Amino acid sequence: MVFKNVNIVELKDSIFKSIIRRAINKIKPFLGQKGDSDKGFKDALLWESIIDYACTSNGKKYILL
């Protein structure tokens, strides 16, 4: 299988730190209870990184599957 127009989205340190802060302080989307506050951490990293990347890409459309 050949993929064309594939871009690697790098995780920025500022995004990682922001998500860690939100998980520790149980700020959305980290509202879990009993040690479950980090549920969705990896999804949040992906989502925030893609949003950051898309904001700098001149109006292109993206689909996250």
Protein backbone atom coordinates (compact mmCIF):
# COMPACT_ATOMS: atom_id res chain seq x y z
CA MET A 1 0.00 0.00 0.00
CA VAL A 2 1.36 3.42 -0.95
CA PHE A 3 0.41 6.53 0.98
CA LYS A 4 0.66 9.94 -0.61
CA ASN A 5 0.58 13.32 1.10
CA VAL A 6 1.30 11.89 4.53
CA ASN A 7 2.50 14.39 7.12
CA ILE A 8 3.97 13.57 10.49
CA VAL A 9 2.46 15.74 13.19
CA GLU A 10 4.95 16.35 15.97
CA LEU A 11 3.87 16.67 19.57
CA LYS A 12 4.77 20.09 20.89
CA ASP A 13 6.06 20.30 24.43
CA SER A 14 3.54 23.03 25.26
CA ILE A 15 0.62 20.78 24.26
CA PHE A 16 1.97 17.89 26.32
CA LYS A 17 2.40 20.09 29.40
CA SER A 18 -1.10 21.56 28.98
CA ILE A 19 -2.68 18.11 28.80
CA ILE A 20 -0.73 16.89 31.84
CA ARG A 21 -1.94 19.96 33.79
CA ARG A 22 -5.54 19.31 32.71
CA ALA A 23 -5.32 15.62 33.71
CA ILE A 24 -3.86 16.41 37.14
CA ASN A 25 -6.46 19.14 37.81
CA LYS A 26 -9.31 17.03 36.36
CA ILE A 27 -10.20 19.63 33.75
CA LYS A 28 -12.18 18.43 30.71
CA PRO A 29 -11.85 15.89 29.23
CA PHE A 30 -10.26 14.43 32.39
CA LEU A 31 -13.13 14.21 34.83
CA GLY A 32 -12.69 10.59 35.93
CA GLN A 33 -12.95 9.41 39.49
CA LYS A 34 -10.99 6.98 41.66
CA GLY A 35 -7.70 7.14 39.75
CA ASP A 36 -9.45 7.34 36.38
CA SER A 37 -8.71 11.03 35.73
CA ASP A 38 -6.16 10.25 32.99
CA LYS A 39 -8.60 8.22 30.91
CA GLY A 40 -8.38 9.47 27.32
CA PHE A 41 -4.90 10.96 27.75
CA LYS A 42 -3.53 9.53 24.49
CA ASP A 43 -6.63 10.60 22.57
CA ALA A 44 -6.27 14.13 23.93
CA LEU A 45 -2.61 14.24 22.82
CA LEU A 46 -3.57 13.20 19.30
CA TRP A 47 -6.53 15.57 19.08
CA GLU A 48 -4.71 18.64 20.40
CA SER A 49 -1.69 17.97 18.16
CA ILE A 50 -3.86 17.63 15.06
CA ILE A 51 -5.81 20.80 15.91
CA ASP A 52 -2.54 22.71 16.38
CA TYR A 53 -1.20 21.39 13.07
CA ALA A 54 -4.43 22.16 11.20
CA CYS A 55 -4.46 25.76 12.48
CA THR A 56 -1.18 26.39 10.67
CA SER A 57 -2.04 24.73 7.36
CA ASN A 58 -3.88 27.38 5.34
CA GLY A 59 -7.46 26.14 5.48
CA LYS A 60 -6.91 22.51 4.43
CA LYS A 61 -9.45 19.99 5.67
CA TYR A 62 -8.55 17.01 7.82
CA ILE A 63 -10.32 13.83 8.77
CA LEU A 64 -9.44 11.91 11.93
CA LEU A 65 -10.48 8.28 11.85
